[in-house]
N, C-alpha and C. Protein backbone atom coordinates (compact mmCIF):
# COMPACT_ATOMS: atom_id res chain seq x y z
N MET A 1 -73.27 -32.35 104.15
CA MET A 1 -72.14 -32.11 103.28
C MET A 1 -71.59 -33.44 102.80
N LYS A 2 -71.24 -33.49 101.53
CA LYS A 2 -70.68 -34.72 100.97
C LYS A 2 -69.19 -34.79 101.28
N TYR A 3 -68.72 -35.99 101.53
CA TYR A 3 -67.30 -36.23 101.80
C TYR A 3 -66.92 -37.54 101.13
N ARG A 4 -65.60 -37.74 101.03
CA ARG A 4 -65.10 -39.02 100.50
C ARG A 4 -63.69 -39.26 101.06
N ASN A 5 -63.23 -40.49 100.91
CA ASN A 5 -61.88 -40.89 101.31
C ASN A 5 -61.55 -40.53 102.76
N ALA A 6 -62.50 -40.74 103.64
CA ALA A 6 -62.30 -40.40 105.05
C ALA A 6 -61.50 -41.49 105.75
N LYS A 7 -60.54 -41.05 106.58
CA LYS A 7 -59.76 -42.01 107.37
C LYS A 7 -59.29 -41.32 108.64
N TYR A 8 -59.27 -42.08 109.72
CA TYR A 8 -58.73 -41.58 110.98
C TYR A 8 -57.22 -41.44 110.82
N ILE A 9 -56.66 -40.33 111.35
CA ILE A 9 -55.21 -40.13 111.23
C ILE A 9 -54.49 -40.26 112.57
N ASN A 10 -55.24 -40.41 113.64
CA ASN A 10 -54.64 -40.68 114.95
C ASN A 10 -55.71 -41.32 115.81
N ASP A 11 -55.37 -41.61 117.04
CA ASP A 11 -56.34 -42.27 117.91
C ASP A 11 -57.14 -41.27 118.74
N SER A 12 -57.09 -39.98 118.35
CA SER A 12 -57.85 -38.94 119.04
C SER A 12 -59.08 -38.49 118.26
N GLY A 13 -59.42 -39.21 117.20
CA GLY A 13 -60.62 -38.90 116.46
C GLY A 13 -60.44 -37.96 115.28
N TRP A 14 -59.22 -37.52 115.01
CA TRP A 14 -58.99 -36.66 113.85
C TRP A 14 -59.22 -37.47 112.57
N VAL A 15 -59.84 -36.81 111.59
CA VAL A 15 -60.16 -37.46 110.33
C VAL A 15 -59.64 -36.60 109.19
N GLU A 16 -59.00 -37.22 108.23
CA GLU A 16 -58.67 -36.56 106.97
C GLU A 16 -59.64 -37.08 105.93
N CYS A 17 -60.12 -36.16 105.11
CA CYS A 17 -61.05 -36.55 104.05
C CYS A 17 -61.03 -35.48 102.98
N GLU A 18 -61.90 -35.62 102.03
CA GLU A 18 -62.16 -34.58 101.05
C GLU A 18 -63.63 -34.20 101.22
N ILE A 19 -63.89 -32.90 101.14
CA ILE A 19 -65.29 -32.46 101.21
C ILE A 19 -65.64 -31.78 99.90
N ASN A 20 -66.91 -31.84 99.56
CA ASN A 20 -67.39 -31.20 98.34
C ASN A 20 -67.82 -29.78 98.70
N HIS A 21 -66.89 -28.86 98.57
CA HIS A 21 -67.13 -27.46 98.92
C HIS A 21 -68.02 -26.83 97.86
N PRO A 22 -69.03 -26.05 98.27
CA PRO A 22 -69.96 -25.49 97.30
C PRO A 22 -69.30 -24.55 96.27
N GLU A 23 -68.21 -23.92 96.65
CA GLU A 23 -67.55 -22.99 95.72
C GLU A 23 -66.35 -23.60 95.02
N PHE A 24 -65.59 -24.45 95.73
CA PHE A 24 -64.32 -24.94 95.20
C PHE A 24 -64.33 -26.40 94.76
N GLY A 25 -65.43 -27.08 94.95
CA GLY A 25 -65.49 -28.50 94.59
C GLY A 25 -64.80 -29.35 95.64
N TRP A 26 -64.27 -30.49 95.24
CA TRP A 26 -63.64 -31.41 96.18
C TRP A 26 -62.30 -30.85 96.65
N ILE A 27 -62.19 -30.67 97.98
CA ILE A 27 -60.96 -30.14 98.58
C ILE A 27 -60.58 -30.99 99.78
N PRO A 28 -59.28 -31.05 100.10
CA PRO A 28 -58.87 -31.79 101.31
C PRO A 28 -59.37 -31.09 102.56
N TYR A 29 -59.69 -31.88 103.56
CA TYR A 29 -60.19 -31.31 104.81
C TYR A 29 -59.72 -32.16 105.97
N GLY A 30 -59.18 -31.50 107.00
CA GLY A 30 -58.80 -32.17 108.23
C GLY A 30 -59.82 -31.84 109.30
N LEU A 31 -60.42 -32.87 109.86
CA LEU A 31 -61.49 -32.69 110.83
C LEU A 31 -60.98 -33.02 112.23
N ASN A 32 -60.96 -32.00 113.09
CA ASN A 32 -60.62 -32.18 114.49
C ASN A 32 -61.94 -32.10 115.26
N PRO A 33 -62.37 -33.19 115.91
CA PRO A 33 -63.66 -33.18 116.60
C PRO A 33 -63.78 -32.09 117.66
N ALA A 34 -62.66 -31.61 118.19
CA ALA A 34 -62.70 -30.57 119.23
C ALA A 34 -62.70 -29.16 118.66
N ASP A 35 -62.59 -29.03 117.35
CA ASP A 35 -62.53 -27.71 116.71
C ASP A 35 -63.89 -27.03 116.83
N THR A 36 -63.89 -25.80 117.30
CA THR A 36 -65.15 -25.07 117.47
C THR A 36 -65.45 -24.14 116.30
N ASP A 37 -64.51 -23.97 115.37
CA ASP A 37 -64.76 -23.16 114.18
C ASP A 37 -65.74 -23.92 113.30
N MET A 38 -66.86 -23.31 113.04
CA MET A 38 -67.91 -24.00 112.28
C MET A 38 -68.03 -23.49 110.85
N THR A 39 -66.90 -23.09 110.26
CA THR A 39 -66.91 -22.75 108.84
C THR A 39 -67.47 -23.94 108.08
N VAL A 40 -66.98 -25.11 108.46
CA VAL A 40 -67.57 -26.38 108.03
C VAL A 40 -68.15 -26.98 109.30
N ASN A 41 -69.40 -27.38 109.25
CA ASN A 41 -70.04 -27.91 110.44
C ASN A 41 -69.54 -29.33 110.71
N ASN A 42 -68.54 -29.42 111.60
CA ASN A 42 -67.95 -30.70 111.92
C ASN A 42 -68.94 -31.67 112.55
N ASP A 43 -69.86 -31.14 113.32
CA ASP A 43 -70.86 -32.02 113.95
C ASP A 43 -71.68 -32.74 112.90
N ASP A 44 -72.14 -32.01 111.89
CA ASP A 44 -72.91 -32.64 110.81
C ASP A 44 -72.06 -33.64 110.04
N LEU A 45 -70.80 -33.26 109.79
CA LEU A 45 -69.91 -34.14 109.04
C LEU A 45 -69.63 -35.42 109.82
N LEU A 46 -69.37 -35.29 111.12
CA LEU A 46 -69.15 -36.47 111.96
C LEU A 46 -70.40 -37.35 112.03
N ALA A 47 -71.56 -36.71 112.10
CA ALA A 47 -72.81 -37.48 112.14
C ALA A 47 -72.98 -38.28 110.85
N ALA A 48 -72.69 -37.65 109.71
CA ALA A 48 -72.81 -38.36 108.42
C ALA A 48 -71.82 -39.52 108.37
N MET A 49 -70.60 -39.30 108.88
CA MET A 49 -69.61 -40.37 108.88
C MET A 49 -70.03 -41.51 109.79
N ALA A 50 -70.63 -41.18 110.93
CA ALA A 50 -71.11 -42.21 111.86
C ALA A 50 -72.25 -43.01 111.24
N THR A 51 -73.15 -42.31 110.55
CA THR A 51 -74.28 -42.97 109.91
C THR A 51 -73.79 -43.92 108.81
N ASN A 52 -72.85 -43.44 108.00
CA ASN A 52 -72.35 -44.24 106.88
C ASN A 52 -71.35 -45.30 107.32
N ASP A 53 -70.75 -45.12 108.49
CA ASP A 53 -69.77 -46.07 109.02
C ASP A 53 -68.72 -46.45 107.97
N ASP A 54 -68.14 -45.41 107.33
CA ASP A 54 -67.21 -45.68 106.23
C ASP A 54 -65.86 -44.97 106.38
N VAL A 55 -65.51 -44.62 107.62
CA VAL A 55 -64.22 -43.98 107.85
C VAL A 55 -63.19 -45.07 108.09
N ALA A 56 -62.11 -45.03 107.30
CA ALA A 56 -61.07 -46.04 107.44
C ALA A 56 -60.42 -45.93 108.82
N ALA A 57 -60.12 -47.06 109.40
CA ALA A 57 -59.55 -47.11 110.74
C ALA A 57 -58.15 -46.50 110.77
N TYR A 58 -57.78 -46.02 111.95
CA TYR A 58 -56.43 -45.50 112.16
C TYR A 58 -55.46 -46.66 112.21
N VAL A 59 -54.39 -46.55 111.43
CA VAL A 59 -53.33 -47.54 111.45
C VAL A 59 -52.06 -46.84 111.92
N PRO A 60 -51.61 -47.17 113.13
CA PRO A 60 -50.41 -46.48 113.63
C PRO A 60 -49.20 -46.77 112.75
N PRO A 61 -48.27 -45.82 112.69
CA PRO A 61 -47.08 -46.06 111.87
C PRO A 61 -46.22 -47.17 112.46
N THR A 62 -45.50 -47.86 111.59
CA THR A 62 -44.59 -48.90 112.04
C THR A 62 -43.33 -48.24 112.62
N GLN A 63 -42.56 -49.01 113.33
CA GLN A 63 -41.30 -48.48 113.86
C GLN A 63 -40.39 -48.04 112.72
N ALA A 64 -40.39 -48.78 111.63
CA ALA A 64 -39.57 -48.40 110.48
C ALA A 64 -40.00 -47.04 109.93
N GLU A 65 -41.30 -46.80 109.85
CA GLU A 65 -41.80 -45.50 109.37
C GLU A 65 -41.43 -44.38 110.33
N LEU A 66 -41.53 -44.65 111.63
CA LEU A 66 -41.14 -43.66 112.63
C LEU A 66 -39.64 -43.35 112.53
N ASP A 67 -38.83 -44.39 112.30
CA ASP A 67 -37.39 -44.19 112.18
C ASP A 67 -37.03 -43.37 110.95
N VAL A 68 -37.74 -43.58 109.85
CA VAL A 68 -37.49 -42.78 108.64
C VAL A 68 -37.78 -41.31 108.91
N LYS A 69 -38.89 -41.03 109.58
CA LYS A 69 -39.24 -39.64 109.91
C LYS A 69 -38.22 -39.04 110.86
N LEU A 70 -37.86 -39.78 111.90
CA LEU A 70 -36.88 -39.30 112.87
C LEU A 70 -35.53 -39.06 112.21
N SER A 71 -35.13 -39.96 111.31
CA SER A 71 -33.86 -39.79 110.59
C SER A 71 -33.86 -38.49 109.80
N ALA A 72 -34.94 -38.22 109.11
CA ALA A 72 -35.04 -36.98 108.32
C ALA A 72 -35.00 -35.75 109.23
N ASP A 73 -35.70 -35.81 110.36
CA ASP A 73 -35.70 -34.68 111.30
C ASP A 73 -34.30 -34.42 111.85
N ILE A 74 -33.59 -35.49 112.20
CA ILE A 74 -32.24 -35.33 112.75
C ILE A 74 -31.29 -34.79 111.69
N ARG A 75 -31.42 -35.29 110.47
CA ARG A 75 -30.57 -34.77 109.39
C ARG A 75 -30.85 -33.29 109.15
N ASP A 76 -32.12 -32.89 109.22
CA ASP A 76 -32.46 -31.46 109.07
C ASP A 76 -31.80 -30.63 110.17
N GLN A 77 -31.85 -31.14 111.40
CA GLN A 77 -31.22 -30.44 112.52
C GLN A 77 -29.71 -30.35 112.31
N ARG A 78 -29.13 -31.46 111.90
CA ARG A 78 -27.69 -31.50 111.64
C ARG A 78 -27.31 -30.52 110.52
N ASP A 79 -28.12 -30.48 109.47
CA ASP A 79 -27.84 -29.57 108.35
C ASP A 79 -27.88 -28.11 108.78
N GLY A 80 -28.77 -27.79 109.71
CA GLY A 80 -28.81 -26.42 110.25
C GLY A 80 -27.54 -26.09 111.00
N LEU A 81 -27.04 -27.05 111.76
CA LEU A 81 -25.79 -26.83 112.50
C LEU A 81 -24.61 -26.71 111.54
N LEU A 82 -24.64 -27.48 110.46
CA LEU A 82 -23.57 -27.37 109.45
C LEU A 82 -23.57 -25.99 108.78
N LEU A 83 -24.75 -25.42 108.59
CA LEU A 83 -24.82 -24.08 108.02
C LEU A 83 -24.14 -23.06 108.93
N GLU A 84 -24.31 -23.25 110.23
CA GLU A 84 -23.65 -22.35 111.19
C GLU A 84 -22.13 -22.47 111.07
N VAL A 85 -21.63 -23.71 110.96
CA VAL A 85 -20.20 -23.92 110.82
C VAL A 85 -19.70 -23.30 109.52
N ASP A 86 -20.46 -23.53 108.45
CA ASP A 86 -20.03 -23.02 107.14
C ASP A 86 -20.04 -21.50 107.07
N ALA A 87 -20.86 -20.86 107.91
CA ALA A 87 -20.85 -19.40 107.95
C ALA A 87 -19.52 -18.88 108.49
N ILE A 88 -18.87 -19.70 109.29
CA ILE A 88 -17.55 -19.32 109.83
C ILE A 88 -16.45 -19.82 108.90
N ALA A 89 -16.46 -21.11 108.61
CA ALA A 89 -15.40 -21.70 107.81
C ALA A 89 -15.43 -21.22 106.36
N GLY A 90 -16.61 -20.88 105.88
CA GLY A 90 -16.74 -20.43 104.49
C GLY A 90 -16.46 -18.95 104.29
N ASN A 91 -16.26 -18.25 105.39
CA ASN A 91 -15.96 -16.82 105.30
C ASN A 91 -14.45 -16.66 105.48
N ALA A 92 -13.75 -16.40 104.37
CA ALA A 92 -12.28 -16.37 104.38
C ALA A 92 -11.73 -15.38 105.41
N LEU A 93 -12.37 -14.24 105.56
CA LEU A 93 -11.87 -13.24 106.50
C LEU A 93 -12.03 -13.72 107.95
N ARG A 94 -13.19 -14.27 108.28
CA ARG A 94 -13.40 -14.78 109.64
C ARG A 94 -12.47 -15.94 109.92
N TRP A 95 -12.33 -16.84 108.96
CA TRP A 95 -11.50 -18.03 109.14
C TRP A 95 -10.04 -17.63 109.34
N ALA A 96 -9.58 -16.65 108.59
CA ALA A 96 -8.19 -16.20 108.69
C ALA A 96 -7.88 -15.62 110.06
N ASP A 97 -8.89 -15.06 110.72
CA ASP A 97 -8.69 -14.47 112.04
C ASP A 97 -8.58 -15.50 113.16
N LEU A 98 -8.92 -16.74 112.87
CA LEU A 98 -8.90 -17.78 113.90
C LEU A 98 -7.52 -18.41 114.00
N GLY A 99 -7.16 -18.81 115.20
CA GLY A 99 -5.90 -19.52 115.41
C GLY A 99 -6.01 -20.96 114.96
N ASP A 100 -4.89 -21.63 114.84
CA ASP A 100 -4.87 -23.02 114.37
C ASP A 100 -5.66 -23.96 115.28
N THR A 101 -5.59 -23.76 116.59
CA THR A 101 -6.32 -24.61 117.53
C THR A 101 -7.83 -24.45 117.34
N THR A 102 -8.27 -23.21 117.14
CA THR A 102 -9.70 -22.95 116.94
C THR A 102 -10.16 -23.51 115.59
N LYS A 103 -9.36 -23.32 114.56
CA LYS A 103 -9.70 -23.88 113.25
C LYS A 103 -9.83 -25.39 113.33
N ASN A 104 -8.90 -26.02 114.02
CA ASN A 104 -8.94 -27.47 114.17
C ASN A 104 -10.20 -27.90 114.92
N ALA A 105 -10.57 -27.17 115.97
CA ALA A 105 -11.78 -27.52 116.74
C ALA A 105 -13.02 -27.44 115.86
N TRP A 106 -13.10 -26.40 115.03
CA TRP A 106 -14.25 -26.27 114.13
C TRP A 106 -14.26 -27.38 113.08
N SER A 107 -13.10 -27.76 112.59
CA SER A 107 -13.01 -28.84 111.59
C SER A 107 -13.45 -30.17 112.20
N VAL A 108 -12.99 -30.44 113.43
CA VAL A 108 -13.38 -31.67 114.11
C VAL A 108 -14.89 -31.68 114.36
N TYR A 109 -15.43 -30.55 114.79
CA TYR A 109 -16.87 -30.43 115.04
C TYR A 109 -17.66 -30.69 113.76
N ARG A 110 -17.22 -30.09 112.65
CA ARG A 110 -17.94 -30.26 111.38
C ARG A 110 -17.93 -31.73 110.94
N LYS A 111 -16.77 -32.39 111.06
CA LYS A 111 -16.68 -33.82 110.70
C LYS A 111 -17.59 -34.65 111.59
N ALA A 112 -17.64 -34.31 112.87
CA ALA A 112 -18.51 -35.06 113.79
C ALA A 112 -19.98 -34.87 113.41
N LEU A 113 -20.35 -33.67 112.99
CA LEU A 113 -21.73 -33.44 112.54
C LEU A 113 -22.03 -34.28 111.30
N LEU A 114 -21.09 -34.31 110.36
CA LEU A 114 -21.30 -35.10 109.15
C LEU A 114 -21.46 -36.58 109.47
N ASN A 115 -20.84 -37.03 110.56
CA ASN A 115 -20.88 -38.45 110.92
C ASN A 115 -22.04 -38.82 111.84
N VAL A 116 -22.89 -37.88 112.19
CA VAL A 116 -24.02 -38.20 113.07
C VAL A 116 -24.84 -39.38 112.54
N PRO A 117 -25.19 -39.43 111.24
CA PRO A 117 -25.99 -40.57 110.77
C PRO A 117 -25.26 -41.92 110.83
N GLN A 118 -23.94 -41.90 110.99
CA GLN A 118 -23.20 -43.15 111.07
C GLN A 118 -23.07 -43.67 112.51
N GLN A 119 -23.59 -42.92 113.48
CA GLN A 119 -23.53 -43.39 114.87
C GLN A 119 -24.32 -44.68 115.02
N SER A 120 -23.86 -45.55 115.89
CA SER A 120 -24.47 -46.88 116.02
C SER A 120 -25.94 -46.84 116.46
N GLY A 121 -26.34 -45.85 117.23
CA GLY A 121 -27.72 -45.79 117.70
C GLY A 121 -28.64 -44.94 116.84
N PHE A 122 -28.12 -44.41 115.73
CA PHE A 122 -28.91 -43.52 114.88
C PHE A 122 -30.11 -44.25 114.33
N PRO A 123 -31.30 -43.67 114.31
CA PRO A 123 -31.67 -42.31 114.68
C PRO A 123 -32.21 -42.18 116.10
N ASN A 124 -32.32 -43.30 116.81
CA ASN A 124 -32.98 -43.26 118.11
C ASN A 124 -32.07 -42.85 119.26
N ASP A 125 -30.78 -42.93 119.07
CA ASP A 125 -29.84 -42.56 120.11
C ASP A 125 -28.69 -41.79 119.47
N VAL A 126 -28.77 -40.47 119.51
CA VAL A 126 -27.77 -39.62 118.86
C VAL A 126 -27.02 -38.85 119.93
N THR A 127 -25.71 -38.82 119.81
CA THR A 127 -24.87 -37.99 120.65
C THR A 127 -24.38 -36.82 119.80
N TRP A 128 -24.83 -35.64 120.16
CA TRP A 128 -24.45 -34.46 119.37
C TRP A 128 -23.07 -33.99 119.81
N PRO A 129 -22.21 -33.64 118.83
CA PRO A 129 -20.90 -33.11 119.20
C PRO A 129 -21.05 -31.74 119.85
N THR A 130 -20.04 -31.37 120.63
CA THR A 130 -20.05 -30.09 121.31
C THR A 130 -19.47 -29.01 120.41
N LYS A 131 -20.23 -27.93 120.27
CA LYS A 131 -19.77 -26.81 119.44
C LYS A 131 -18.56 -26.15 120.10
N PRO A 132 -17.52 -25.85 119.31
CA PRO A 132 -16.33 -25.19 119.90
C PRO A 132 -16.66 -23.80 120.44
């Protein structure tokens, strides 16, 4: 099978490449050496890659790249928690049923969630506020 643009994506032997599929032409393909599904014969593909010795080496992500990913993941988690707060605070009937102390607790919690990215250890050291 023909392939192109092969590169290792981790240190466990996984390879991303494009294969020339007989029906669909060039398509992306992720090759896991431990995969036993032989829809595409990984053994033959790995043998061809070994023969050609043209798979780009794995380059681990930098700390800055890891921090960008972690920052996005934490913001996504925070946004989910904000949606929960907004389901209460944004519902006039539910909000009206709450006492002033409870309303204040929810407001403080929401502000603390909004400020998570401003914490000094963000994104590697986050202290999540306690839900009221």
